[in-house]
Amino acid sequence: MLKIGLDVHERNSALCVLDSDGQIRERIAVRGHPRRMLERLKRIQEPFEICFEASCNYGWLYDQLRRQADRVVVAHPGRLRLIFRSKRKNDRIDAERLAKLLYLGEVPEVHVPSIDVRAWRQLIVHRRRYVSNRVRCKNAIRALLRTYGISSPSALWSKKGLAWLQAVDLPTRTAELQREQLLDDLRHDSRRIERVQDRLDEIASSHPGVTLLLTIPGVGPRTAEAFVAYVDDPMRFRPKSIGMYLGLVPSQDASSDRNRLGRITKTGPSIVRGLLTEAAWQGIRNSPAIRAVFERIQGDNVQRKKRAIVATAHYLSRVMLSMLRSGETWRADMA
C-alpha cells in the first residue's frame, strides 16, 4: 500500500508518495485550492494511506480524504515540531517527513471529532466571542460614567438600571451619542447571545453527558457542554491525563534529584480551562466537599490562593471525566 505525506495550504499543496518499500515514488505539487489536490489524488489507482498536519480546516479535509484513502491520519503539529528540529523547512520536505512517519507508524495522531461535534465546539466559541464583546461594552459604559463623575446604581445591567442609564443626563451631545451607540451594541450582543444559547441548550438537552455533569455543584450548562464537546470520547483519556490535555498541569523541569515545577502549561482548549476555573469558584461556595479540596491545597498560606483554585479546577476535570466514563452522578464523597 502506498504511503502519502501531504503538506496542504490554501493556495498550494505538496505530496510525497512512498511505495511499499518506503522509497519515494513520486513528488507532486498542486497549485490552487485544496479541492484541486483532491482531484489529483483521484488519479492514483493503487490503495493508499495519507497523513497531513492538523490546521484550521483539518476537519473538512479529513472528511474529504476519507472518501478516497484507505486510512487518513492527522498529525499533531506541536509534537511534529519536537520530532523534526531542523533548520530546513519547506512544503516538499514537510510532505516527505510526514510520509516517512506514516510508513514507520510513528505519526503523533490527533483525535478528529465528527462534523456535529466540530460544529458544537464552534458554536461554544462563537458564544464566548459575543460574551467578550458584551463585557467590553459594559466596561466602556462604566468608563464613560466615571469620566463625567456620575455614580451608577449597583444593579446597572438590570431593567431598572438600563432605564436609568438611558435617562441620565450627560453634559455633552458627544457623550450622549457614545452612550446611545454603546447601549445599541449591548442590546445587539445580548440578543445574539440569547439566540446562540437557545441552540446550545437544545443540543445539551439531548446529550446525557451534559445532564450528568450538571449534578456537580457549581457546574452550569456552559461548563458542562464545553467539557463534553471538547472531550468528545471520554474513553480516550485516563482521569490522570485529562489535566494535561486541558493545560491544567504545571510545567516541569526535572534533572537528577532536582524537580522544578513552573506555571501551568496552558495547552489545549483555553475556553474549557477558563470555564472550569469559574466552576471551581462556584463549587467552593456551594459544596463543602469541593471547598475542602481548595482549603487543603491552600492551607494557611493566602499566597497559594491562585494555585489552589487551579488545582481545584484540575480536580473537577478529573471528577467530570470519571463521571462520563462510569455514568455515575455526583457524590460528595468523590472528594
C-alpha atoms as a PDB file:
ATOM      1  CA  MET A   1       0.000   0.000   0.000  1.00  0.00           C
ATOM      2  CA  LEU A   2       1.237   3.488  -0.829  1.00  0.00           C
ATOM      3  CA  LYS A   3       2.030   5.971   1.933  1.00  0.00           C
ATOM      4  CA  ILE A   4       1.405   9.641   1.122  1.00  0.00           C
ATOM      5  CA  GLY A   5       2.551  12.667   3.078  1.00  0.00           C
ATOM      6  CA  LEU A   6       0.548  15.828   2.418  1.00  0.00           C
ATOM      7  CA  ASP A   7       1.514  19.407   3.213  1.00  0.00           C
ATOM      8  CA  VAL A   8      -1.564  21.434   2.345  1.00  0.00           C
ATOM      9  CA  HIS A   9      -2.160  25.191   2.201  1.00  0.00           C
ATOM     10  CA  GLU A  10      -4.891  27.419   0.839  1.00  0.00           C
ATOM     11  CA  ARG A  11      -3.084  28.156  -2.437  1.00  0.00           C
ATOM     12  CA  ASN A  12      -0.745  25.182  -2.939  1.00  0.00           C
ATOM     13  CA  SER A  13      -0.159  21.644  -1.752  1.00  0.00           C
ATOM     14  CA  ALA A  14       2.777  19.241  -1.800  1.00  0.00           C
ATOM     15  CA  LEU A  15       2.549  15.442  -1.774  1.00  0.00           C
ATOM     16  CA  CYS A  16       5.221  12.813  -1.331  1.00  0.00           C
ATOM     17  CA  VAL A  17       4.303   9.242  -2.354  1.00  0.00           C
ATOM     18  CA  LEU A  18       6.228   6.280  -0.898  1.00  0.00           C
ATOM     19  CA  ASP A  19       5.951   2.753  -2.260  1.00  0.00           C
ATOM     20  CA  SER A  20       5.582  -0.389  -0.161  1.00  0.00           C
ATOM     21  CA  ASP A  21       9.362  -0.446   0.451  1.00  0.00           C
ATOM     22  CA  GLY A  22       9.465   3.113   1.769  1.00  0.00           C
ATOM     23  CA  GLN A  23      11.143   4.540  -1.335  1.00  0.00           C
ATOM     24  CA  ILE A  24       9.994   7.791  -2.872  1.00  0.00           C
ATOM     25  CA  ARG A  25       7.951   7.005  -5.942  1.00  0.00           C
ATOM     26  CA  GLU A  26       6.657  10.455  -6.799  1.00  0.00           C
ATOM     27  CA  ARG A  27       6.568  14.060  -5.657  1.00  0.00           C
ATOM     28  CA  ILE A  28       3.502  16.086  -6.602  1.00  0.00           C
ATOM     29  CA  ALA A  29       2.981  19.840  -6.396  1.00  0.00           C
ATOM     30  CA  VAL A  30      -0.529  21.196  -6.856  1.00  0.00           C
ATOM     31  CA  ARG A  31      -1.348  24.881  -7.134  1.00  0.00           C
ATOM     32  CA  GLY A  32      -4.695  26.275  -6.138  1.00  0.00           C
ATOM     33  CA  HIS A  33      -7.387  25.383  -3.611  1.00  0.00           C
ATOM     34  CA  PRO A  34      -7.140  22.017  -1.770  1.00  0.00           C
ATOM     35  CA  ARG A  35     -10.012  20.794  -3.971  1.00  0.00           C
ATOM     36  CA  ARG A  36      -7.524  20.615  -6.840  1.00  0.00           C
ATOM     37  CA  MET A  37      -5.297  18.423  -4.709  1.00  0.00           C
ATOM     38  CA  LEU A  38      -8.267  16.123  -4.055  1.00  0.00           C
ATOM     39  CA  GLU A  39      -8.885  15.891  -7.798  1.00  0.00           C
ATOM     40  CA  ARG A  40      -5.222  14.999  -8.337  1.00  0.00           C
ATOM     41  CA  LEU A  41      -5.423  12.192  -5.785  1.00  0.00           C
ATOM     42  CA  LYS A  42      -8.174  10.533  -7.822  1.00  0.00           C
ATOM     43  CA  ARG A  43      -5.576   9.667 -10.473  1.00  0.00           C
ATOM     44  CA  ILE A  44      -3.778   7.341  -8.052  1.00  0.00           C
ATOM     45  CA  GLN A  45      -5.061   3.875  -8.854  1.00  0.00           C
ATOM     46  CA  GLU A  46      -3.429   1.905  -6.023  1.00  0.00           C
ATOM     47  CA  PRO A  47      -4.813   1.866  -2.466  1.00  0.00           C
ATOM     48  CA  PHE A  48      -3.094   4.393  -0.217  1.00  0.00           C
ATOM     49  CA  GLU A  49      -2.860   5.844   3.262  1.00  0.00           C
ATOM     50  CA  ILE A  50      -2.362   9.573   3.708  1.00  0.00           C
ATOM     51  CA  CYS A  51      -1.115  11.798   6.514  1.00  0.00           C
ATOM     52  CA  PHE A  52      -1.362  15.567   6.948  1.00  0.00           C
ATOM     53  CA  GLU A  53      -0.821  18.086   9.728  1.00  0.00           C
ATOM     54  CA  ALA A  54      -3.775  19.474  11.685  1.00  0.00           C
ATOM     55  CA  SER A  55      -4.712  23.046  10.777  1.00  0.00           C
ATOM     56  CA  CYS A  56      -7.804  25.264  10.894  1.00  0.00           C
ATOM     57  CA  ASN A  57      -9.644  23.263   8.188  1.00  0.00           C
ATOM     58  CA  TYR A  58      -8.429  19.807   9.162  1.00  0.00           C
ATOM     59  CA  GLY A  59     -11.937  18.510   9.875  1.00  0.00           C
ATOM     60  CA  TRP A  60     -13.251  19.302   6.404  1.00  0.00           C
ATOM     61  CA  LEU A  61     -10.120  17.919   4.736  1.00  0.00           C
ATOM     62  CA  TYR A  62     -10.276  14.752   6.849  1.00  0.00           C
ATOM     63  CA  ASP A  63     -13.877  14.118   5.751  1.00  0.00           C
ATOM     64  CA  GLN A  64     -12.950  14.630   2.081  1.00  0.00           C
ATOM     65  CA  LEU A  65      -9.875  12.402   2.197  1.00  0.00           C
ATOM     66  CA  ARG A  66     -11.739   9.566   3.901  1.00  0.00           C
ATOM     67  CA  ARG A  67     -13.760   9.121   0.712  1.00  0.00           C
ATOM     68  CA  GLN A  68     -10.602   8.356  -1.276  1.00  0.00           C
ATOM     69  CA  ALA A  69      -7.977   6.914   1.091  1.00  0.00           C
ATOM     70  CA  ASP A  70      -7.971   3.587   2.915  1.00  0.00           C
ATOM     71  CA  ARG A  71      -6.742   5.391   6.021  1.00  0.00           C
ATOM     72  CA  VAL A  72      -6.348   9.063   6.944  1.00  0.00           C
ATOM     73  CA  VAL A  73      -4.031  10.129   9.768  1.00  0.00           C
ATOM     74  CA  VAL A  74      -3.987  13.680  11.166  1.00  0.00           C
ATOM     75  CA  ALA A  75      -0.685  14.628  12.829  1.00  0.00           C
ATOM     76  CA  HIS A  76      -0.302  16.797  15.925  1.00  0.00           C
ATOM     77  CA  PRO A  77       1.592  19.946  14.824  1.00  0.00           C
ATOM     78  CA  GLY A  78       3.172  20.624  18.225  1.00  0.00           C
ATOM     79  CA  ARG A  79       4.593  17.132  18.547  1.00  0.00           C
ATOM     80  CA  LEU A  80       5.836  17.201  14.968  1.00  0.00           C
ATOM     81  CA  ARG A  81       7.936  20.246  15.783  1.00  0.00           C
ATOM     82  CA  LEU A  82       9.529  18.299  18.629  1.00  0.00           C
ATOM     83  CA  ILE A  83      10.298  15.363  16.317  1.00  0.00           C
ATOM     84  CA  PHE A  84      11.734  17.456  13.481  1.00  0.00           C
ATOM     85  CA  ARG A  85      14.005  20.109  14.928  1.00  0.00           C
ATOM     86  CA  SER A  86      15.565  21.096  11.630  1.00  0.00           C
ATOM     87  CA  LYS A  87      16.524  24.451  10.182  1.00  0.00           C
ATOM     88  CA  ARG A  88      15.470  23.248   6.726  1.00  0.00           C
ATOM     89  CA  LYS A  89      11.740  23.511   6.268  1.00  0.00           C
ATOM     90  CA  ASN A  90       9.604  23.807   3.160  1.00  0.00           C
ATOM     91  CA  ASP A  91       6.455  22.176   1.794  1.00  0.00           C
ATOM     92  CA  ARG A  92       8.349  19.470  -0.088  1.00  0.00           C
ATOM     93  CA  ILE A  93      10.440  18.463   2.925  1.00  0.00           C
ATOM     94  CA  ASP A  94       7.419  18.511   5.250  1.00  0.00           C
ATOM     95  CA  ALA A  95       5.435  16.218   2.928  1.00  0.00           C
ATOM     96  CA  GLU A  96       8.355  13.769   2.781  1.00  0.00           C
ATOM     97  CA  ARG A  97       8.723  13.729   6.565  1.00  0.00           C
ATOM     98  CA  LEU A  98       5.016  13.050   7.040  1.00  0.00           C
ATOM     99  CA  ALA A  99       5.141  10.214   4.515  1.00  0.00           C
ATOM    100  CA  LYS A 100       8.112   8.615   6.287  1.00  0.00           C
ATOM    101  CA  LEU A 101       6.481   8.905   9.703  1.00  0.00           C
ATOM    102  CA  LEU A 102       3.372   7.269   8.258  1.00  0.00           C
ATOM    103  CA  TYR A 103       5.476   4.456   6.775  1.00  0.00           C
ATOM    104  CA  LEU A 104       7.183   3.879  10.150  1.00  0.00           C
ATOM    105  CA  GLY A 105       3.887   4.068  12.062  1.00  0.00           C
ATOM    106  CA  GLU A 106       5.211   6.887  14.263  1.00  0.00           C
ATOM    107  CA  VAL A 107       2.772   9.697  13.492  1.00  0.00           C
ATOM    108  CA  PRO A 108       1.653  11.595  16.645  1.00  0.00           C
ATOM    109  CA  GLU A 109      -2.064  11.474  15.882  1.00  0.00           C
ATOM    110  CA  VAL A 110      -4.813  13.849  16.961  1.00  0.00           C
ATOM    111  CA  HIS A 111      -8.429  12.944  17.576  1.00  0.00           C
ATOM    112  CA  VAL A 112     -10.798  14.096  14.823  1.00  0.00           C
ATOM    113  CA  PRO A 113     -14.363  14.586  16.123  1.00  0.00           C
ATOM    114  CA  SER A 114     -17.449  14.234  13.972  1.00  0.00           C
ATOM    115  CA  ILE A 115     -18.786  17.170  11.985  1.00  0.00           C
ATOM    116  CA  ASP A 116     -21.605  17.657  14.535  1.00  0.00           C
ATOM    117  CA  VAL A 117     -19.165  17.875  17.438  1.00  0.00           C
ATOM    118  CA  ARG A 118     -16.934  20.273  15.493  1.00  0.00           C
ATOM    119  CA  ALA A 119     -19.957  22.492  14.828  1.00  0.00           C
ATOM    120  CA  TRP A 120     -20.879  22.288  18.528  1.00  0.00           C
ATOM    121  CA  ARG A 121     -17.399  23.455  19.510  1.00  0.00           C
ATOM    122  CA  GLN A 122     -17.541  26.322  17.035  1.00  0.00           C
ATOM    123  CA  LEU A 123     -20.870  27.489  18.456  1.00  0.00           C
ATOM    124  CA  ILE A 124     -19.428  27.432  22.001  1.00  0.00           C
ATOM    125  CA  VAL A 125     -16.525  29.613  20.845  1.00  0.00           C
ATOM    126  CA  HIS A 126     -18.973  31.824  18.919  1.00  0.00           C
ATOM    127  CA  ARG A 127     -20.957  32.490  22.096  1.00  0.00           C
ATOM    128  CA  ARG A 128     -17.791  33.234  24.050  1.00  0.00           C
ATOM    129  CA  ARG A 129     -16.818  35.835  21.470  1.00  0.00           C
ATOM    130  CA  TYR A 130     -20.132  37.683  21.876  1.00  0.00           C
ATOM    131  CA  VAL A 131     -19.866  37.475  25.673  1.00  0.00           C
ATOM    132  CA  SER A 132     -16.411  39.076  25.483  1.00  0.00           C
ATOM    133  CA  ASN A 133     -17.809  41.826  23.257  1.00  0.00           C
ATOM    134  CA  ARG A 134     -20.590  42.465  25.760  1.00  0.00           C
ATOM    135  CA  VAL A 135     -18.123  42.683  28.638  1.00  0.00           C
ATOM    136  CA  ARG A 136     -16.039  45.226  26.720  1.00  0.00           C
ATOM    137  CA  CYS A 137     -19.182  47.222  26.001  1.00  0.00           C
ATOM    138  CA  LYS A 138     -20.178  47.261  29.685  1.00  0.00           C
ATOM    139  CA  ASN A 139     -16.687  48.360  30.692  1.00  0.00           C
ATOM    140  CA  ALA A 140     -16.849  51.184  28.138  1.00  0.00           C
ATOM    141  CA  ILE A 141     -20.185  52.362  29.604  1.00  0.00           C
ATOM    142  CA  ARG A 142     -18.784  52.358  33.143  1.00  0.00           C
ATOM    143  CA  ALA A 143     -15.723  54.267  31.929  1.00  0.00           C
ATOM    144  CA  LEU A 144     -17.983  56.852  30.265  1.00  0.00           C
ATOM    145  CA  LEU A 145     -19.896  57.412  33.500  1.00  0.00           C
ATOM    146  CA  ARG A 146     -16.684  57.727  35.521  1.00  0.00           C
ATOM    147  CA  THR A 147     -15.321  60.248  33.034  1.00  0.00           C
ATOM    148  CA  TYR A 148     -18.127  62.641  33.937  1.00  0.00           C
ATOM    149  CA  GLY A 149     -18.194  61.779  37.648  1.00  0.00           C
ATOM    150  CA  ILE A 150     -21.586  60.028  37.509  1.00  0.00           C
ATOM    151  CA  SER A 151     -22.276  57.339  40.112  1.00  0.00           C
ATOM    152  CA  SER A 152     -24.189  54.363  38.770  1.00  0.00           C
ATOM    153  CA  PRO A 153     -26.595  52.075  40.658  1.00  0.00           C
ATOM    154  CA  SER A 154     -25.256  48.710  41.788  1.00  0.00           C
ATOM    155  CA  ALA A 155     -27.637  46.768  39.525  1.00  0.00           C
ATOM    156  CA  LEU A 156     -26.736  48.751  36.415  1.00  0.00           C
ATOM    157  CA  TRP A 157     -27.484  45.909  33.962  1.00  0.00           C
ATOM    158  CA  SER A 158     -30.962  45.141  35.278  1.00  0.00           C
ATOM    159  CA  LYS A 159     -34.023  46.553  33.504  1.00  0.00           C
ATOM    160  CA  LYS A 160     -34.267  49.305  36.084  1.00  0.00           C
ATOM    161  CA  GLY A 161     -30.563  50.077  35.789  1.00  0.00           C
ATOM    162  CA  LEU A 162     -30.652  50.230  31.996  1.00  0.00           C
ATOM    163  CA  ALA A 163     -33.675  52.539  32.142  1.00  0.00           C
ATOM    164  CA  TRP A 164     -31.704  54.825  34.479  1.00  0.00           C
ATOM    165  CA  LEU A 165     -28.737  54.722  32.110  1.00  0.00           C
ATOM    166  CA  GLN A 166     -30.943  55.689  29.169  1.00  0.00           C
ATOM    167  CA  ALA A 167     -32.396  58.676  31.036  1.00  0.00           C
ATOM    168  CA  VAL A 168     -29.354  60.003  32.923  1.00  0.00           C
ATOM    169  CA  ASP A 169     -28.215  63.479  31.878  1.00  0.00           C
ATOM    170  CA  LEU A 170     -24.815  63.702  30.236  1.00  0.00           C
ATOM    171  CA  PRO A 171     -23.014  67.050  29.847  1.00  0.00           C
ATOM    172  CA  THR A 172     -22.343  66.928  26.079  1.00  0.00           C
ATOM    173  CA  ARG A 173     -24.033  65.696  22.931  1.00  0.00           C
ATOM    174  CA  THR A 174     -20.887  63.715  22.126  1.00  0.00           C
ATOM    175  CA  ALA A 175     -21.241  61.752  25.367  1.00  0.00           C
ATOM    176  CA  GLU A 176     -24.932  61.150  24.635  1.00  0.00           C
ATOM    177  CA  LEU A 177     -24.077  59.775  21.192  1.00  0.00           C
ATOM    178  CA  GLN A 178     -21.475  57.468  22.704  1.00  0.00           C
ATOM    179  CA  ARG A 179     -23.984  56.242  25.281  1.00  0.00           C
ATOM    180  CA  GLU A 180     -26.610  55.526  22.624  1.00  0.00           C
ATOM    181  CA  GLN A 181     -24.232  53.538  20.462  1.00  0.00           C
ATOM    182  CA  LEU A 182     -22.882  51.564  23.417  1.00  0.00           C
ATOM    183  CA  LEU A 183     -26.422  50.721  24.527  1.00  0.00           C
ATOM    184  CA  ASP A 184     -27.293  49.637  20.983  1.00  0.00           C
ATOM    185  CA  ASP A 185     -24.232  47.365  20.927  1.00  0.00           C
ATOM    186  CA  LEU A 186     -25.153  45.971  24.347  1.00  0.00           C
ATOM    187  CA  ARG A 187     -28.700  45.115  23.267  1.00  0.00           C
ATOM    188  CA  HIS A 188     -27.479  43.666  19.966  1.00  0.00           C
ATOM    189  CA  ASP A 189     -24.901  41.394  21.635  1.00  0.00           C
ATOM    190  CA  SER A 190     -27.408  40.306  24.291  1.00  0.00           C
ATOM    191  CA  ARG A 191     -29.945  39.270  21.630  1.00  0.00           C
ATOM    192  CA  ARG A 192     -27.283  37.312  19.757  1.00  0.00           C
ATOM    193  CA  ILE A 193     -26.138  35.570  22.933  1.00  0.00           C
ATOM    194  CA  GLU A 194     -29.723  34.555  23.687  1.00  0.00           C
ATOM    195  CA  ARG A 195     -30.140  33.055  20.203  1.00  0.00           C
ATOM    196  CA  VAL A 196     -26.890  31.123  20.476  1.00  0.00           C
ATOM    197  CA  GLN A 197     -27.725  29.910  23.982  1.00  0.00           C
ATOM    198  CA  ASP A 198     -31.135  28.669  22.830  1.00  0.00           C
ATOM    199  CA  ARG A 199     -29.393  26.474  20.253  1.00  0.00           C
ATOM    200  CA  LEU A 200     -26.766  25.342  22.775  1.00  0.00           C
ATOM    201  CA  ASP A 201     -29.490  24.424  25.274  1.00  0.00           C
ATOM    202  CA  GLU A 202     -31.225  22.437  22.558  1.00  0.00           C
ATOM    203  CA  ILE A 203     -28.041  20.463  21.836  1.00  0.00           C
ATOM    204  CA  ALA A 204     -27.222  19.983  25.518  1.00  0.00           C
ATOM    205  CA  SER A 205     -30.704  18.715  26.399  1.00  0.00           C
ATOM    206  CA  SER A 206     -30.237  15.780  24.031  1.00  0.00           C
ATOM    207  CA  HIS A 207     -26.797  14.830  25.387  1.00  0.00           C
ATOM    208  CA  PRO A 208     -26.812  12.610  28.510  1.00  0.00           C
ATOM    209  CA  GLY A 209     -23.246  13.602  29.402  1.00  0.00           C
ATOM    210  CA  VAL A 210     -24.197  17.247  29.896  1.00  0.00           C
ATOM    211  CA  THR A 211     -27.150  16.276  32.086  1.00  0.00           C
ATOM    212  CA  LEU A 212     -24.843  14.075  34.151  1.00  0.00           C
ATOM    213  CA  LEU A 213     -22.265  16.812  34.769  1.00  0.00           C
ATOM    214  CA  LEU A 214     -24.947  19.287  35.833  1.00  0.00           C
ATOM    215  CA  THR A 215     -25.316  17.285  39.062  1.00  0.00           C
ATOM    216  CA  ILE A 216     -21.944  18.700  40.232  1.00  0.00           C
ATOM    217  CA  PRO A 217     -22.352  21.756  42.499  1.00  0.00           C
ATOM    218  CA  GLY A 218     -21.122  24.870  40.703  1.00  0.00           C
ATOM    219  CA  VAL A 219     -21.078  23.327  37.226  1.00  0.00           C
ATOM    220  CA  GLY A 220     -23.533  25.085  34.929  1.00  0.00           C
ATOM    221  CA  PRO A 221     -24.721  24.221  31.423  1.00  0.00           C
ATOM    222  CA  ARG A 222     -21.993  26.247  29.675  1.00  0.00           C
ATOM    223  CA  THR A 223     -19.183  24.487  31.563  1.00  0.00           C
ATOM    224  CA  ALA A 224     -20.755  21.053  31.161  1.00  0.00           C
ATOM    225  CA  GLU A 225     -21.354  21.394  27.421  1.00  0.00           C
ATOM    226  CA  ALA A 226     -17.855  22.754  26.753  1.00  0.00           C
ATOM    227  CA  PHE A 227     -16.241  19.898  28.682  1.00  0.00           C
ATOM    228  CA  VAL A 228     -18.320  17.256  26.906  1.00  0.00           C
ATOM    229  CA  ALA A 229     -17.782  18.793  23.459  1.00  0.00           C
ATOM    230  CA  TYR A 230     -14.005  19.039  23.755  1.00  0.00           C
ATOM    231  CA  VAL A 231     -13.503  15.681  25.464  1.00  0.00           C
ATOM    232  CA  ASP A 232     -15.870  14.058  22.925  1.00  0.00           C
ATOM    233  CA  ASP A 233     -14.937  10.433  23.640  1.00  0.00           C
ATOM    234  CA  PRO A 234     -14.193  10.097  27.382  1.00  0.00           C
ATOM    235  CA  MET A 235     -12.622   6.668  26.886  1.00  0.00           C
ATOM    236  CA  ARG A 236      -9.643   8.207  25.062  1.00  0.00           C
ATOM    237  CA  PHE A 237      -8.455   9.778  28.338  1.00  0.00           C
ATOM    238  CA  ARG A 238      -7.487   8.469  31.728  1.00  0.00           C
ATOM    239  CA  PRO A 239      -8.528  10.641  34.702  1.00  0.00           C
ATOM    240  CA  LYS A 240      -4.885  11.437  35.422  1.00  0.00           C
ATOM    241  CA  SER A 241      -4.236  12.602  31.843  1.00  0.00           C
ATOM    242  CA  ILE A 242      -7.191  14.960  31.357  1.00  0.00           C
ATOM    243  CA  GLY A 243      -5.372  17.787  33.126  1.00  0.00           C
ATOM    244  CA  MET A 244      -2.542  17.534  30.628  1.00  0.00           C
ATOM    245  CA  TYR A 245      -4.979  17.837  27.714  1.00  0.00           C
ATOM    246  CA  LEU A 246      -6.617  20.908  29.263  1.00  0.00           C
ATOM    247  CA  GLY A 247      -3.316  22.555  30.218  1.00  0.00           C
ATOM    248  CA  LEU A 248      -4.043  22.475  33.957  1.00  0.00           C
ATOM    249  CA  VAL A 249      -0.819  20.695  34.973  1.00  0.00           C
ATOM    250  CA  PRO A 250       2.397  22.556  35.862  1.00  0.00           C
ATOM    251  CA  SER A 251       5.345  22.614  33.503  1.00  0.00           C
ATOM    252  CA  GLN A 252       8.210  20.503  34.803  1.00  0.00           C
ATOM    253  CA  ASP A 253      11.990  20.777  34.654  1.00  0.00           C
ATOM    254  CA  ALA A 254      13.493  17.751  36.395  1.00  0.00           C
ATOM    255  CA  SER A 255      17.102  16.666  36.420  1.00  0.00           C
ATOM    256  CA  SER A 256      18.760  14.230  38.803  1.00  0.00           C
ATOM    257  CA  ASP A 257      17.419  14.981  42.296  1.00  0.00           C
ATOM    258  CA  ARG A 258      16.068  18.412  41.333  1.00  0.00           C
ATOM    259  CA  ASN A 259      12.434  18.763  40.280  1.00  0.00           C
ATOM    260  CA  ARG A 260      11.222  22.267  39.438  1.00  0.00           C
ATOM    261  CA  LEU A 261       7.522  22.837  38.771  1.00  0.00           C
ATOM    262  CA  GLY A 262       6.568  26.035  36.968  1.00  0.00           C
ATOM    263  CA  ARG A 263       3.335  27.620  35.748  1.00  0.00           C
ATOM    264  CA  ILE A 264       0.605  25.520  34.167  1.00  0.00           C
ATOM    265  CA  THR A 265       1.230  24.577  30.549  1.00  0.00           C
ATOM    266  CA  LYS A 266      -1.994  26.198  29.202  1.00  0.00           C
ATOM    267  CA  THR A 267      -2.130  23.759  26.299  1.00  0.00           C
ATOM    268  CA  GLY A 268      -5.429  22.584  24.864  1.00  0.00           C
ATOM    269  CA  PRO A 269      -8.745  24.472  24.729  1.00  0.00           C
ATOM    270  CA  SER A 270      -8.485  27.681  26.756  1.00  0.00           C
ATOM    271  CA  ILE A 271     -12.262  28.126  26.805  1.00  0.00           C
ATOM    272  CA  VAL A 272     -12.724  24.898  28.810  1.00  0.00           C
ATOM    273  CA  ARG A 273      -9.892  25.834  31.160  1.00  0.00           C
ATOM    274  CA  GLY A 274     -11.492  29.211  31.884  1.00  0.00           C
ATOM    275  CA  LEU A 275     -14.963  27.750  32.437  1.00  0.00           C
ATOM    276  CA  LEU A 276     -13.572  25.092  34.789  1.00  0.00           C
ATOM    277  CA  THR A 277     -11.906  27.806  36.855  1.00  0.00           C
ATOM    278  CA  GLU A 278     -15.209  29.690  37.115  1.00  0.00           C
ATOM    279  CA  ALA A 279     -16.972  26.446  38.055  1.00  0.00           C
ATOM    280  CA  ALA A 280     -14.349  25.800  40.743  1.00  0.00           C
ATOM    281  CA  TRP A 281     -15.141  29.138  42.404  1.00  0.00           C
ATOM    282  CA  GLN A 282     -18.859  28.329  42.336  1.00  0.00           C
ATOM    283  CA  GLY A 283     -18.181  24.834  43.660  1.00  0.00           C
ATOM    284  CA  ILE A 284     -16.203  26.247  46.591  1.00  0.00           C
ATOM    285  CA  ARG A 285     -19.200  28.409  47.530  1.00  0.00           C
ATOM    286  CA  ASN A 286     -21.819  25.677  47.103  1.00  0.00           C
ATOM    287  CA  SER A 287     -20.142  22.387  48.036  1.00  0.00           C
ATOM    288  CA  PRO A 288     -18.361  21.587  51.330  1.00  0.00           C
ATOM    289  CA  ALA A 289     -16.551  18.736  49.564  1.00  0.00           C
ATOM    290  CA  ILE A 290     -15.103  20.978  46.838  1.00  0.00           C
ATOM    291  CA  ARG A 291     -14.323  23.669  49.429  1.00  0.00           C
ATOM    292  CA  ALA A 292     -12.375  21.088  51.428  1.00  0.00           C
ATOM    293  CA  VAL A 293     -10.213  20.318  48.366  1.00  0.00           C
ATOM    294  CA  PHE A 294      -9.473  24.022  47.906  1.00  0.00           C
ATOM    295  CA  GLU A 295      -8.678  24.605  51.592  1.00  0.00           C
ATOM    296  CA  ARG A 296      -6.442  21.544  51.794  1.00  0.00           C
ATOM    297  CA  ILE A 297      -4.303  22.847  48.930  1.00  0.00           C
ATOM    298  CA  GLN A 298      -4.269  26.470  50.066  1.00  0.00           C
ATOM    299  CA  GLY A 299      -3.600  25.649  53.701  1.00  0.00           C
ATOM    300  CA  ASP A 300      -2.852  28.694  55.834  1.00  0.00           C
ATOM    301  CA  ASN A 301      -0.978  30.488  53.063  1.00  0.00           C
ATOM    302  CA  VAL A 302      -3.078  33.131  51.293  1.00  0.00           C
ATOM    303  CA  GLN A 303      -0.353  33.380  48.635  1.00  0.00           C
ATOM    304  CA  ARG A 304      -1.342  29.892  47.434  1.00  0.00           C
ATOM    305  CA  LYS A 305      -4.893  31.004  46.546  1.00  0.00           C
ATOM    306  CA  LYS A 306      -4.347  31.070  42.773  1.00  0.00           C
ATOM    307  CA  ARG A 307      -2.512  27.763  42.843  1.00  0.00           C
ATOM    308  CA  ALA A 308      -5.302  26.247  44.911  1.00  0.00           C
ATOM    309  CA  ILE A 309      -8.082  27.381  42.551  1.00  0.00           C
ATOM    310  CA  VAL A 310      -6.239  25.957  39.521  1.00  0.00           C
ATOM    311  CA  ALA A 311      -5.703  22.687  41.389  1.00  0.00           C
ATOM    312  CA  THR A 312      -9.408  22.631  42.270  1.00  0.00           C
ATOM    313  CA  ALA A 313     -10.293  23.128  38.596  1.00  0.00           C
ATOM    314  CA  HIS A 314      -7.934  20.231  37.784  1.00  0.00           C
ATOM    315  CA  TYR A 315      -9.685  18.122  40.420  1.00  0.00           C
ATOM    316  CA  LEU A 316     -13.074  18.979  38.888  1.00  0.00           C
ATOM    317  CA  SER A 317     -11.871  17.932  35.442  1.00  0.00           C
ATOM    318  CA  ARG A 318     -10.813  14.518  36.781  1.00  0.00           C
ATOM    319  CA  VAL A 319     -14.153  14.063  38.534  1.00  0.00           C
ATOM    320  CA  MET A 320     -16.084  15.090  35.414  1.00  0.00           C
ATOM    321  CA  LEU A 321     -14.150  12.670  33.223  1.00  0.00           C
ATOM    322  CA  SER A 322     -14.652   9.834  35.713  1.00  0.00           C
ATOM    323  CA  MET A 323     -18.389  10.542  35.755  1.00  0.00           C
ATOM    324  CA  LEU A 324     -18.578  10.471  31.955  1.00  0.00           C
ATOM    325  CA  ARG A 325     -16.660   7.196  31.862  1.00  0.00           C
ATOM    326  CA  SER A 326     -18.719   5.484  34.560  1.00  0.00           C
ATOM    327  CA  GLY A 327     -22.130   7.160  34.111  1.00  0.00           C
ATOM    328  CA  GLU A 328     -22.339   7.948  37.844  1.00  0.00           C
ATOM    329  CA  THR A 329     -23.874  11.154  39.152  1.00  0.00           C
ATOM    330  CA  TRP A 330     -22.040  13.436  41.569  1.00  0.00           C
ATOM    331  CA  ARG A 331     -21.427  12.239  45.103  1.00  0.00           C
ATOM    332  CA  ALA A 332     -19.917  14.383  47.849  1.00  0.00           C
ATOM    333  CA  ASP A 333     -17.543  11.573  48.837  1.00  0.00           C
ATOM    334  CA  MET A 334     -15.830  11.821  45.439  1.00  0.00           C
ATOM    335  CA  ALA A 335     -13.577  14.419  47.022  1.00  0.00           C
END
